[in-house]
Amino acid sequence: MGRQREQLETKQQIINTLEQRLTKQGDRIEQLEAELRKLKKLKGKPKIRASRLNETKTESAEGEERKRPGSAKRSKKKGFGCYEEKIIQPDEIPENAKFNGYRDYDVQELSLECQDIRFRLAEYITEEGITIVGQLPPEYRYGHYGPLLVGYILYQYYQCRVTQPLLHEQLSEWGVEISKGQLHSLLCEHKASFHTEQ
């Protein structure tokens, strides 16, 4: 028994020595990797948080105190600007019922419609025979499509990755008269400002 105990103690010492050596090597490897990343100008190691799937309610309640500043849930009513107000009466109102005010129920809606604008450019002729014509607003001088429509087309194509055929089909369904060639021109021409910004 005594001999076995000595062997176990010896082996335990060897294990402890190896563990210490392994820890030192791990620290050294991390140090060398950090230096290498610094020399190559790479980003540091990502900080991966532990999974919160198995977290209990008590733990999550404690975690709420550690939330980053400004992450508290904001009120949806705060930035609500009333565009249209509709009063809805009950279907049946008893004669003895007394009016008690209104109960507000806010709904957000999106309006998408094609708007045709006709600019009538006044034209004058001087005694010398020179023609003077009114000028379009600057934002409408790049063709027969307004800035909001052009902005939407660019956003859909470049940001949302909507293909030209699908974009053309969508615009046609909304009543926008635009050919495939005109759509291609809007996407490719007069983009010097975007290239400068890039």
N, C-alpha and C. Protein backbone atom coordinates (compact mmCIF):
# COMPACT_ATOMS: atom_id res chain seq x y z
N MET A 1 0.82 -1.21 0.00
CA MET A 1 0.00 0.00 0.00
C MET A 1 0.86 1.26 0.00
N GLY A 2 1.92 1.24 0.80
CA GLY A 2 2.79 2.42 0.89
C GLY A 2 3.45 2.71 -0.44
N ARG A 3 3.83 1.63 -1.14
CA ARG A 3 4.50 1.82 -2.44
C ARG A 3 3.54 2.41 -3.46
N GLN A 4 2.32 1.90 -3.44
CA GLN A 4 1.31 2.41 -4.39
C GLN A 4 1.02 3.89 -4.13
N ARG A 5 0.97 4.24 -2.84
CA ARG A 5 0.74 5.64 -2.47
C ARG A 5 1.86 6.53 -3.00
N GLU A 6 3.10 6.06 -2.87
CA GLU A 6 4.25 6.83 -3.38
C GLU A 6 4.16 7.02 -4.88
N GLN A 7 3.76 5.93 -5.58
CA GLN A 7 3.63 6.01 -7.04
C GLN A 7 2.55 7.02 -7.43
N LEU A 8 1.42 6.97 -6.68
CA LEU A 8 0.33 7.91 -6.96
C LEU A 8 0.77 9.35 -6.73
N GLU A 9 1.51 9.60 -5.64
CA GLU A 9 2.00 10.95 -5.34
C GLU A 9 2.97 11.42 -6.42
N THR A 10 3.85 10.50 -6.87
CA THR A 10 4.80 10.83 -7.93
C THR A 10 4.07 11.22 -9.21
N LYS A 11 3.08 10.40 -9.56
CA LYS A 11 2.32 10.67 -10.78
C LYS A 11 1.54 11.98 -10.66
N GLN A 12 1.00 12.25 -9.46
CA GLN A 12 0.26 13.50 -9.24
C GLN A 12 1.18 14.71 -9.42
N GLN A 13 2.44 14.57 -8.92
CA GLN A 13 3.41 15.66 -9.08
C GLN A 13 3.72 15.90 -10.56
N ILE A 14 3.89 14.77 -11.29
CA ILE A 14 4.16 14.88 -12.73
C ILE A 14 2.99 15.59 -13.44
N ILE A 15 1.76 15.20 -13.05
CA ILE A 15 0.56 15.82 -13.65
C ILE A 15 0.52 17.31 -13.34
N ASN A 16 0.79 17.67 -12.11
CA ASN A 16 0.79 19.09 -11.72
C ASN A 16 1.83 19.88 -12.51
N THR A 17 3.04 19.27 -12.66
CA THR A 17 4.11 19.92 -13.42
C THR A 17 3.70 20.14 -14.88
N LEU A 18 3.10 19.10 -15.46
CA LEU A 18 2.65 19.19 -16.85
C LEU A 18 1.55 20.23 -17.02
N GLU A 19 0.63 20.30 -16.05
CA GLU A 19 -0.44 21.30 -16.11
C GLU A 19 0.12 22.71 -16.06
N GLN A 20 1.10 22.93 -15.18
CA GLN A 20 1.72 24.25 -15.08
C GLN A 20 2.42 24.62 -16.39
N ARG A 21 3.15 23.62 -16.95
CA ARG A 21 3.86 23.85 -18.21
C ARG A 21 2.86 24.17 -19.33
N LEU A 22 1.74 23.44 -19.34
CA LEU A 22 0.72 23.65 -20.37
C LEU A 22 0.10 25.05 -20.25
N THR A 23 -0.16 25.48 -19.03
CA THR A 23 -0.72 26.82 -18.81
C THR A 23 0.24 27.90 -19.31
N LYS A 24 1.55 27.72 -18.97
CA LYS A 24 2.56 28.69 -19.42
C LYS A 24 2.63 28.74 -20.95
N GLN A 25 2.60 27.55 -21.56
CA GLN A 25 2.66 27.49 -23.03
C GLN A 25 1.44 28.16 -23.66
N GLY A 26 0.26 27.93 -23.05
CA GLY A 26 -0.97 28.56 -23.55
C GLY A 26 -0.88 30.08 -23.48
N ASP A 27 -0.36 30.59 -22.35
CA ASP A 27 -0.19 32.05 -22.21
C ASP A 27 0.79 32.58 -23.23
N ARG A 28 1.88 31.83 -23.46
CA ARG A 28 2.90 32.25 -24.42
C ARG A 28 2.33 32.27 -25.85
N ILE A 29 1.52 31.26 -26.17
CA ILE A 29 0.91 31.20 -27.51
C ILE A 29 -0.02 32.40 -27.71
N GLU A 30 -0.83 32.72 -26.70
CA GLU A 30 -1.74 33.87 -26.80
C GLU A 30 -0.96 35.16 -26.99
N GLN A 31 0.16 35.28 -26.27
CA GLN A 31 1.00 36.47 -26.37
C GLN A 31 1.57 36.60 -27.79
N LEU A 32 2.08 35.49 -28.33
CA LEU A 32 2.65 35.52 -29.68
C LEU A 32 1.58 35.81 -30.74
N GLU A 33 0.38 35.23 -30.56
CA GLU A 33 -0.71 35.51 -31.50
C GLU A 33 -1.12 36.97 -31.47
N ALA A 34 -1.15 37.56 -30.26
CA ALA A 34 -1.49 38.98 -30.13
C ALA A 34 -0.46 39.85 -30.85
N GLU A 35 0.85 39.50 -30.68
CA GLU A 35 1.91 40.25 -31.36
C GLU A 35 1.78 40.12 -32.87
N LEU A 36 1.46 38.91 -33.34
CA LEU A 36 1.30 38.67 -34.77
C LEU A 36 0.14 39.48 -35.34
N ARG A 37 -0.99 39.49 -34.60
CA ARG A 37 -2.14 40.28 -35.05
C ARG A 37 -1.80 41.76 -35.11
N LYS A 38 -1.03 42.20 -34.12
CA LYS A 38 -0.64 43.61 -34.08
C LYS A 38 0.25 43.97 -35.26
N LEU A 39 1.19 43.09 -35.60
CA LEU A 39 2.08 43.34 -36.73
C LEU A 39 1.33 43.31 -38.06
N LYS A 40 0.36 42.41 -38.17
CA LYS A 40 -0.43 42.31 -39.40
C LYS A 40 -1.60 43.28 -39.43
N LYS A 41 -1.75 44.06 -38.34
CA LYS A 41 -2.84 45.03 -38.21
C LYS A 41 -4.20 44.36 -38.35
N LEU A 42 -4.35 43.21 -37.68
CA LEU A 42 -5.63 42.49 -37.68
C LEU A 42 -6.42 42.83 -36.43
N LYS A 43 -7.72 42.56 -36.48
CA LYS A 43 -8.57 42.80 -35.31
C LYS A 43 -8.24 41.79 -34.22
N GLY A 44 -8.52 42.19 -32.99
CA GLY A 44 -8.27 41.31 -31.85
C GLY A 44 -9.24 40.14 -31.79
N LYS A 45 -9.05 39.32 -30.80
CA LYS A 45 -9.90 38.15 -30.62
C LYS A 45 -11.32 38.58 -30.32
N PRO A 46 -12.33 37.97 -30.96
CA PRO A 46 -13.72 38.36 -30.65
C PRO A 46 -14.11 37.94 -29.25
N LYS A 47 -14.91 38.79 -28.58
CA LYS A 47 -15.38 38.46 -27.25
C LYS A 47 -16.73 37.75 -27.38
N ILE A 48 -16.72 36.44 -27.19
CA ILE A 48 -17.94 35.64 -27.34
C ILE A 48 -18.55 35.43 -25.96
N ARG A 49 -19.79 35.90 -25.81
CA ARG A 49 -20.47 35.75 -24.53
C ARG A 49 -21.06 34.36 -24.39
N ALA A 50 -21.26 33.97 -23.16
CA ALA A 50 -21.85 32.66 -22.87
C ALA A 50 -23.31 32.65 -23.31
N SER A 51 -23.80 31.49 -23.70
CA SER A 51 -25.19 31.34 -24.13
C SER A 51 -26.13 31.63 -22.97
N ARG A 52 -27.27 32.30 -23.29
CA ARG A 52 -28.25 32.63 -22.26
C ARG A 52 -29.49 31.76 -22.37
N LEU A 53 -29.41 30.67 -23.15
CA LEU A 53 -30.58 29.81 -23.36
C LEU A 53 -31.02 29.13 -22.07
N ASN A 54 -30.07 28.67 -21.27
CA ASN A 54 -30.40 27.93 -20.05
C ASN A 54 -30.46 28.83 -18.82
N GLU A 55 -30.51 30.13 -19.03
CA GLU A 55 -30.51 31.08 -17.93
C GLU A 55 -31.87 31.10 -17.24
N THR A 56 -31.89 31.10 -15.94
CA THR A 56 -33.15 31.15 -15.19
C THR A 56 -33.66 32.57 -15.12
N LYS A 57 -34.90 32.73 -14.65
CA LYS A 57 -35.50 34.07 -14.55
C LYS A 57 -34.73 34.94 -13.58
N THR A 58 -34.26 34.35 -12.50
CA THR A 58 -33.50 35.11 -11.49
C THR A 58 -32.21 35.65 -12.10
N GLU A 59 -31.53 34.79 -12.88
CA GLU A 59 -30.27 35.21 -13.50
C GLU A 59 -30.51 36.32 -14.51
N SER A 60 -31.59 36.19 -15.32
CA SER A 60 -31.87 37.21 -16.32
C SER A 60 -32.27 38.52 -15.66
N ALA A 61 -32.95 38.45 -14.50
CA ALA A 61 -33.31 39.67 -13.79
C ALA A 61 -32.06 40.38 -13.29
N GLU A 62 -31.06 39.58 -12.84
CA GLU A 62 -29.79 40.18 -12.41
C GLU A 62 -29.06 40.78 -13.59
N GLY A 63 -29.18 40.15 -14.76
CA GLY A 63 -28.50 40.63 -15.96
C GLY A 63 -29.05 41.94 -16.46
N GLU A 64 -30.32 42.23 -16.12
CA GLU A 64 -30.92 43.48 -16.57
C GLU A 64 -30.20 44.68 -15.99
N GLU A 65 -29.63 44.50 -14.80
CA GLU A 65 -28.89 45.60 -14.19
C GLU A 65 -27.60 45.89 -14.94
N ARG A 66 -27.09 44.89 -15.67
CA ARG A 66 -25.83 45.06 -16.38
C ARG A 66 -26.02 45.51 -17.82
N LYS A 67 -27.24 45.89 -18.21
CA LYS A 67 -27.49 46.33 -19.59
C LYS A 67 -26.69 47.59 -19.89
N ARG A 68 -26.32 47.72 -21.15
CA ARG A 68 -25.55 48.91 -21.54
C ARG A 68 -26.45 50.15 -21.46
N PRO A 69 -25.87 51.33 -21.22
CA PRO A 69 -26.66 52.55 -21.12
C PRO A 69 -27.39 52.84 -22.43
N GLY A 70 -28.62 53.28 -22.32
CA GLY A 70 -29.40 53.64 -23.51
C GLY A 70 -30.12 52.49 -24.16
N SER A 71 -30.00 51.27 -23.58
CA SER A 71 -30.63 50.11 -24.20
C SER A 71 -32.03 49.86 -23.66
N ALA A 72 -32.49 50.71 -22.76
CA ALA A 72 -33.83 50.53 -22.20
C ALA A 72 -34.89 50.69 -23.30
N LYS A 73 -35.96 49.95 -23.18
CA LYS A 73 -37.01 49.98 -24.19
C LYS A 73 -37.64 51.37 -24.24
N ARG A 74 -37.66 51.96 -25.42
CA ARG A 74 -38.22 53.31 -25.55
C ARG A 74 -39.70 53.23 -25.84
N SER A 75 -40.39 54.29 -25.50
CA SER A 75 -41.82 54.35 -25.73
C SER A 75 -42.12 54.53 -27.21
N LYS A 76 -43.06 53.74 -27.73
CA LYS A 76 -43.43 53.84 -29.14
C LYS A 76 -44.25 55.09 -29.40
N LYS A 77 -44.88 55.63 -28.39
CA LYS A 77 -45.76 56.80 -28.55
C LYS A 77 -44.97 58.10 -28.66
N LYS A 78 -43.72 58.09 -28.18
CA LYS A 78 -42.97 59.33 -28.06
C LYS A 78 -42.79 60.04 -29.40
N GLY A 79 -42.39 59.28 -30.45
CA GLY A 79 -42.15 59.91 -31.75
C GLY A 79 -43.33 59.82 -32.69
N PHE A 80 -44.50 59.54 -32.16
CA PHE A 80 -45.68 59.33 -33.02
C PHE A 80 -46.27 60.68 -33.37
N GLY A 81 -46.23 61.05 -34.65
CA GLY A 81 -46.84 62.29 -35.12
C GLY A 81 -48.13 61.97 -35.84
N CYS A 82 -49.22 62.51 -35.38
CA CYS A 82 -50.53 62.16 -35.94
C CYS A 82 -50.72 62.85 -37.29
N TYR A 83 -50.82 62.06 -38.36
CA TYR A 83 -51.01 62.57 -39.71
C TYR A 83 -52.50 62.69 -40.04
N GLU A 84 -53.26 61.72 -39.59
CA GLU A 84 -54.69 61.70 -39.85
C GLU A 84 -55.41 61.17 -38.62
N GLU A 85 -56.54 61.79 -38.29
CA GLU A 85 -57.30 61.38 -37.13
C GLU A 85 -58.71 61.00 -37.57
N LYS A 86 -59.16 59.85 -37.17
CA LYS A 86 -60.50 59.38 -37.52
C LYS A 86 -61.26 59.06 -36.23
N ILE A 87 -62.47 59.57 -36.13
CA ILE A 87 -63.31 59.28 -34.97
C ILE A 87 -64.27 58.15 -35.34
N ILE A 88 -64.29 57.12 -34.52
CA ILE A 88 -65.14 55.96 -34.78
C ILE A 88 -66.16 55.84 -33.65
N GLN A 89 -67.42 55.89 -34.01
CA GLN A 89 -68.50 55.76 -33.03
C GLN A 89 -68.88 54.29 -32.89
N PRO A 90 -69.40 53.89 -31.72
CA PRO A 90 -69.90 52.52 -31.58
C PRO A 90 -71.07 52.27 -32.53
N ASP A 91 -71.30 51.02 -32.89
CA ASP A 91 -72.40 50.68 -33.80
C ASP A 91 -73.75 51.07 -33.22
N GLU A 92 -73.93 50.85 -31.93
CA GLU A 92 -75.20 51.18 -31.28
C GLU A 92 -74.92 51.95 -29.99
N ILE A 93 -75.59 53.09 -29.81
CA ILE A 93 -75.42 53.90 -28.61
C ILE A 93 -76.78 54.01 -27.92
N PRO A 94 -76.91 53.45 -26.72
CA PRO A 94 -78.18 53.58 -25.99
C PRO A 94 -78.51 55.04 -25.70
N GLU A 95 -79.80 55.37 -25.57
CA GLU A 95 -80.23 56.76 -25.36
C GLU A 95 -79.72 57.33 -24.05
N ASN A 96 -79.60 56.49 -23.02
CA ASN A 96 -79.16 56.99 -21.70
C ASN A 96 -77.64 56.98 -21.54
N ALA A 97 -76.88 56.64 -22.62
CA ALA A 97 -75.41 56.58 -22.54
C ALA A 97 -74.83 57.99 -22.47
N LYS A 98 -73.80 58.13 -21.67
CA LYS A 98 -73.15 59.43 -21.46
C LYS A 98 -71.75 59.39 -22.09
N PHE A 99 -71.39 60.39 -22.89
CA PHE A 99 -70.08 60.44 -23.56
C PHE A 99 -68.96 60.51 -22.52
N ASN A 100 -67.94 59.64 -22.68
CA ASN A 100 -66.88 59.53 -21.68
C ASN A 100 -65.50 59.86 -22.25
N GLY A 101 -65.43 60.49 -23.42
CA GLY A 101 -64.14 60.82 -24.03
C GLY A 101 -63.75 59.81 -25.10
N TYR A 102 -62.47 59.83 -25.46
CA TYR A 102 -61.98 58.94 -26.52
C TYR A 102 -60.90 58.01 -25.99
N ARG A 103 -60.81 56.85 -26.59
CA ARG A 103 -59.75 55.89 -26.31
C ARG A 103 -58.87 55.83 -27.55
N ASP A 104 -57.63 56.32 -27.45
CA ASP A 104 -56.76 56.40 -28.63
C ASP A 104 -56.16 55.04 -28.97
N TYR A 105 -56.13 54.75 -30.25
CA TYR A 105 -55.50 53.52 -30.76
C TYR A 105 -54.68 53.93 -31.98
N ASP A 106 -53.35 53.97 -31.83
CA ASP A 106 -52.47 54.48 -32.88
C ASP A 106 -52.05 53.37 -33.84
N VAL A 107 -52.09 53.68 -35.13
CA VAL A 107 -51.70 52.75 -36.19
C VAL A 107 -50.75 53.48 -37.13
N GLN A 108 -49.67 52.80 -37.52
CA GLN A 108 -48.75 53.37 -38.51
C GLN A 108 -49.02 52.72 -39.86
N GLU A 109 -49.08 53.52 -40.90
CA GLU A 109 -49.37 53.04 -42.24
C GLU A 109 -48.38 53.65 -43.23
N LEU A 110 -48.20 52.99 -44.34
CA LEU A 110 -47.30 53.48 -45.39
C LEU A 110 -48.10 53.70 -46.65
N SER A 111 -47.92 54.89 -47.27
CA SER A 111 -48.65 55.21 -48.49
C SER A 111 -47.69 55.19 -49.67
N LEU A 112 -47.92 54.29 -50.63
CA LEU A 112 -47.11 54.20 -51.84
C LEU A 112 -48.03 54.45 -53.04
N GLU A 113 -47.79 55.53 -53.73
CA GLU A 113 -48.62 55.83 -54.90
C GLU A 113 -47.80 56.62 -55.91
N CYS A 114 -48.16 56.45 -57.15
CA CYS A 114 -47.48 57.17 -58.23
C CYS A 114 -48.12 58.55 -58.37
N GLN A 115 -47.32 59.59 -58.33
CA GLN A 115 -47.82 60.96 -58.48
C GLN A 115 -47.26 61.56 -59.76
N ASP A 116 -48.16 62.00 -60.63
CA ASP A 116 -47.75 62.65 -61.88
C ASP A 116 -47.73 64.16 -61.66
N ILE A 117 -46.58 64.77 -61.89
CA ILE A 117 -46.43 66.23 -61.72
C ILE A 117 -46.17 66.84 -63.11
N ARG A 118 -46.93 67.86 -63.44
CA ARG A 118 -46.70 68.57 -64.70
C ARG A 118 -46.19 69.97 -64.39
N PHE A 119 -44.97 70.25 -64.82
CA PHE A 119 -44.41 71.59 -64.69
C PHE A 119 -44.74 72.36 -65.96
N ARG A 120 -45.37 73.49 -65.81
CA ARG A 120 -45.69 74.33 -66.96
C ARG A 120 -44.68 75.47 -66.97
N LEU A 121 -43.70 75.35 -67.86
CA LEU A 121 -42.61 76.32 -67.93
C LEU A 121 -43.05 77.52 -68.77
N ALA A 122 -43.19 78.64 -68.09
CA ALA A 122 -43.61 79.86 -68.80
C ALA A 122 -42.55 80.27 -69.82
N GLU A 123 -43.00 80.67 -70.98
CA GLU A 123 -42.09 81.01 -72.08
C GLU A 123 -42.38 82.42 -72.57
N TYR A 124 -41.33 83.21 -72.72
CA TYR A 124 -41.47 84.58 -73.20
C TYR A 124 -40.49 84.82 -74.35
N ILE A 125 -40.88 85.72 -75.25
CA ILE A 125 -40.00 86.09 -76.36
C ILE A 125 -39.78 87.59 -76.28
N THR A 126 -38.52 87.98 -76.26
CA THR A 126 -38.19 89.41 -76.20
C THR A 126 -38.32 90.03 -77.59
N GLU A 127 -38.24 91.35 -77.64
CA GLU A 127 -38.32 92.07 -78.92
C GLU A 127 -37.17 91.67 -79.84
N GLU A 128 -36.05 91.25 -79.24
CA GLU A 128 -34.89 90.84 -80.04
C GLU A 128 -35.05 89.41 -80.56
N GLY A 129 -36.14 88.74 -80.18
CA GLY A 129 -36.37 87.36 -80.65
C GLY A 129 -35.75 86.30 -79.76
N ILE A 130 -35.29 86.68 -78.57
CA ILE A 130 -34.70 85.72 -77.63
C ILE A 130 -35.81 85.08 -76.80
N THR A 131 -35.76 83.77 -76.69
CA THR A 131 -36.77 83.04 -75.91
C THR A 131 -36.27 82.83 -74.48
N ILE A 132 -37.13 83.19 -73.54
CA ILE A 132 -36.82 83.00 -72.12
C ILE A 132 -37.83 82.00 -71.56
N VAL A 133 -37.31 80.94 -70.94
CA VAL A 133 -38.17 79.88 -70.42
C VAL A 133 -37.90 79.68 -68.93
N GLY A 134 -38.96 79.43 -68.17
CA GLY A 134 -38.81 79.12 -66.74
C GLY A 134 -38.00 77.85 -66.54
N GLN A 135 -37.22 77.80 -65.48
CA GLN A 135 -36.33 76.66 -65.22
C GLN A 135 -36.95 75.70 -64.19
N LEU A 136 -36.74 74.43 -64.42
CA LEU A 136 -37.20 73.41 -63.49
C LEU A 136 -36.46 73.54 -62.15
N PRO A 137 -37.08 73.13 -61.05
CA PRO A 137 -36.34 73.07 -59.78
C PRO A 137 -35.11 72.17 -59.94
N PRO A 138 -34.01 72.46 -59.25
CA PRO A 138 -32.76 71.70 -59.45
C PRO A 138 -32.92 70.19 -59.31
N GLU A 139 -33.77 69.73 -58.37
CA GLU A 139 -33.90 68.29 -58.14
C GLU A 139 -34.62 67.56 -59.26
N TYR A 140 -35.24 68.31 -60.19
CA TYR A 140 -35.98 67.67 -61.29
C TYR A 140 -35.29 67.83 -62.63
N ARG A 141 -34.03 68.20 -62.63
CA ARG A 141 -33.33 68.49 -63.89
C ARG A 141 -32.58 67.30 -64.47
N TYR A 142 -32.75 66.11 -63.88
CA TYR A 142 -32.02 64.94 -64.38
C TYR A 142 -32.93 63.96 -65.11
N GLY A 143 -34.03 64.42 -65.61
CA GLY A 143 -34.91 63.52 -66.35
C GLY A 143 -36.35 63.62 -65.87
N HIS A 144 -37.17 62.71 -66.34
CA HIS A 144 -38.61 62.77 -66.07
C HIS A 144 -39.02 61.96 -64.85
N TYR A 145 -38.09 61.78 -63.89
CA TYR A 145 -38.39 61.01 -62.69
C TYR A 145 -37.91 61.81 -61.48
N GLY A 146 -38.80 61.97 -60.50
CA GLY A 146 -38.51 62.80 -59.34
C GLY A 146 -37.46 62.21 -58.41
N PRO A 147 -36.91 63.03 -57.50
CA PRO A 147 -35.83 62.59 -56.62
C PRO A 147 -36.23 61.47 -55.66
N LEU A 148 -37.49 61.48 -55.20
CA LEU A 148 -37.93 60.42 -54.28
C LEU A 148 -38.01 59.08 -55.01
N LEU A 149 -38.51 59.11 -56.24
CA LEU A 149 -38.61 57.88 -57.03
C LEU A 149 -37.22 57.35 -57.36
N VAL A 150 -36.32 58.24 -57.77
CA VAL A 150 -34.94 57.83 -58.10
C VAL A 150 -34.24 57.27 -56.86
N GLY A 151 -34.45 57.96 -55.72
CA GLY A 151 -33.85 57.49 -54.46
C GLY A 151 -34.36 56.10 -54.08
N TYR A 152 -35.67 55.88 -54.29
CA TYR A 152 -36.24 54.56 -53.98
C TYR A 152 -35.65 53.49 -54.89
N ILE A 153 -35.51 53.80 -56.17
CA ILE A 153 -34.95 52.84 -57.14
C ILE A 153 -33.51 52.48 -56.76
N LEU A 154 -32.71 53.48 -56.41
CA LEU A 154 -31.32 53.24 -56.02
C LEU A 154 -31.24 52.42 -54.74
N TYR A 155 -32.11 52.73 -53.79
CA TYR A 155 -32.11 52.00 -52.52
C TYR A 155 -32.48 50.53 -52.74
N GLN A 156 -33.52 50.30 -53.54
CA GLN A 156 -33.96 48.92 -53.79
C GLN A 156 -32.87 48.12 -54.51
N TYR A 157 -32.22 48.75 -55.48
CA TYR A 157 -31.25 48.02 -56.31
C TYR A 157 -29.93 47.78 -55.57
N TYR A 158 -29.38 48.85 -54.96
CA TYR A 158 -28.05 48.73 -54.36
C TYR A 158 -28.09 48.24 -52.91
N GLN A 159 -29.08 48.66 -52.13
CA GLN A 159 -29.13 48.28 -50.72
C GLN A 159 -29.88 46.98 -50.51
N CYS A 160 -31.03 46.82 -51.18
CA CYS A 160 -31.87 45.63 -50.97
C CYS A 160 -31.60 44.53 -51.99
N ARG A 161 -30.72 44.79 -52.97
CA ARG A 161 -30.33 43.78 -53.97
C ARG A 161 -31.52 43.29 -54.81
N VAL A 162 -32.44 44.19 -55.11
CA VAL A 162 -33.56 43.82 -55.98
C VAL A 162 -33.07 43.91 -57.43
N THR A 163 -33.30 42.87 -58.22
CA THR A 163 -32.80 42.84 -59.59
C THR A 163 -33.60 43.83 -60.46
N GLN A 164 -33.00 44.22 -61.59
CA GLN A 164 -33.67 45.17 -62.49
C GLN A 164 -35.01 44.66 -63.00
N PRO A 165 -35.13 43.39 -63.43
CA PRO A 165 -36.43 42.91 -63.90
C PRO A 165 -37.52 42.99 -62.83
N LEU A 166 -37.18 42.58 -61.59
CA LEU A 166 -38.17 42.65 -60.51
C LEU A 166 -38.53 44.09 -60.17
N LEU A 167 -37.54 44.97 -60.18
CA LEU A 167 -37.76 46.38 -59.90
C LEU A 167 -38.65 47.01 -60.97
N HIS A 168 -38.40 46.66 -62.23
CA HIS A 168 -39.22 47.18 -63.34
C HIS A 168 -40.66 46.68 -63.21
N GLU A 169 -40.82 45.42 -62.84
CA GLU A 169 -42.16 44.86 -62.67
C GLU A 169 -42.91 45.56 -61.53
N GLN A 170 -42.21 45.81 -60.44
CA GLN A 170 -42.82 46.48 -59.28
C GLN A 170 -43.27 47.90 -59.64
N LEU A 171 -42.41 48.65 -60.32
CA LEU A 171 -42.73 50.03 -60.69
C LEU A 171 -43.91 50.07 -61.66
N SER A 172 -43.93 49.12 -62.60
CA SER A 172 -45.03 49.05 -63.56
C SER A 172 -46.36 48.78 -62.87
N GLU A 173 -46.34 47.91 -61.85
CA GLU A 173 -47.56 47.61 -61.10
C GLU A 173 -48.07 48.82 -60.34
N TRP A 174 -47.17 49.71 -59.97
CA TRP A 174 -47.56 50.93 -59.25
C TRP A 174 -47.99 52.05 -60.20
N GLY A 175 -47.91 51.82 -61.50
CA GLY A 175 -48.34 52.83 -62.46
C GLY A 175 -47.23 53.75 -62.94
N VAL A 176 -45.99 53.42 -62.63
CA VAL A 176 -44.86 54.25 -63.11
C VAL A 176 -44.52 53.81 -64.53
N GLU A 177 -44.60 54.74 -65.47
CA GLU A 177 -44.28 54.43 -66.87
C GLU A 177 -42.78 54.61 -67.07
N ILE A 178 -42.09 53.50 -67.11
CA ILE A 178 -40.63 53.53 -67.27
C ILE A 178 -40.21 52.27 -68.02
N SER A 179 -39.35 52.47 -69.02
CA SER A 179 -38.86 51.32 -69.79
C SER A 179 -37.66 50.70 -69.09
N LYS A 180 -37.28 49.53 -69.55
CA LYS A 180 -36.11 48.86 -68.97
C LYS A 180 -34.84 49.65 -69.23
N GLY A 181 -34.78 50.28 -70.41
CA GLY A 181 -33.61 51.10 -70.74
C GLY A 181 -33.52 52.33 -69.86
N GLN A 182 -34.68 52.98 -69.60
CA GLN A 182 -34.68 54.16 -68.72
C GLN A 182 -34.30 53.78 -67.29
N LEU A 183 -34.77 52.62 -66.84
CA LEU A 183 -34.42 52.15 -65.51
C LEU A 183 -32.92 51.89 -65.41
N HIS A 184 -32.35 51.28 -66.42
CA HIS A 184 -30.92 51.03 -66.45
C HIS A 184 -30.14 52.34 -66.41
N SER A 185 -30.62 53.34 -67.17
CA SER A 185 -29.95 54.65 -67.19
C SER A 185 -29.97 55.30 -65.80
N LEU A 186 -31.13 55.21 -65.11
CA LEU A 186 -31.22 55.80 -63.78
C LEU A 186 -30.24 55.15 -62.80
N LEU A 187 -30.00 53.86 -63.00
CA LEU A 187 -29.11 53.13 -62.10
C LEU A 187 -27.64 53.36 -62.40
N CYS A 188 -27.33 53.75 -63.63
CA CYS A 188 -25.92 53.82 -64.03
C CYS A 188 -25.41 55.23 -64.35
N GLU A 189 -26.29 56.15 -64.74
CA GLU A 189 -25.83 57.48 -65.16
C GLU A 189 -25.96 58.50 -64.02
N HIS A 190 -25.19 59.60 -64.16
CA HIS A 190 -25.19 60.72 -63.20
C HIS A 190 -24.88 60.24 -61.77
N LYS A 191 -23.89 59.38 -61.63
CA LYS A 191 -23.56 58.84 -60.30
C LYS A 191 -22.18 59.31 -59.83
N ALA A 192 -21.71 60.42 -60.37
CA ALA A 192 -20.37 60.92 -60.01
C ALA A 192 -20.28 61.26 -58.52
N SER A 193 -21.38 61.83 -57.97
CA SER A 193 -21.37 62.21 -56.55
C SER A 193 -21.25 60.98 -55.65
N PHE A 194 -21.89 59.87 -56.07
CA PHE A 194 -21.82 58.64 -55.28
C PHE A 194 -20.41 58.05 -55.32
N HIS A 195 -19.78 58.11 -56.51
CA HIS A 195 -18.41 57.58 -56.63
C HIS A 195 -17.44 58.43 -55.80
N THR A 196 -17.68 59.75 -55.78
CA THR A 196 -16.82 60.63 -54.98
C THR A 196 -16.94 60.29 -53.50
N GLU A 197 -18.18 60.07 -53.05
CA GLU A 197 -18.42 59.72 -51.66
C GLU A 197 -17.80 58.37 -51.31
N GLN A 198 -17.89 57.41 -52.26
CA GLN A 198 -17.29 56.07 -52.03
C GLN A 198 -15.81 56.19 -51.81
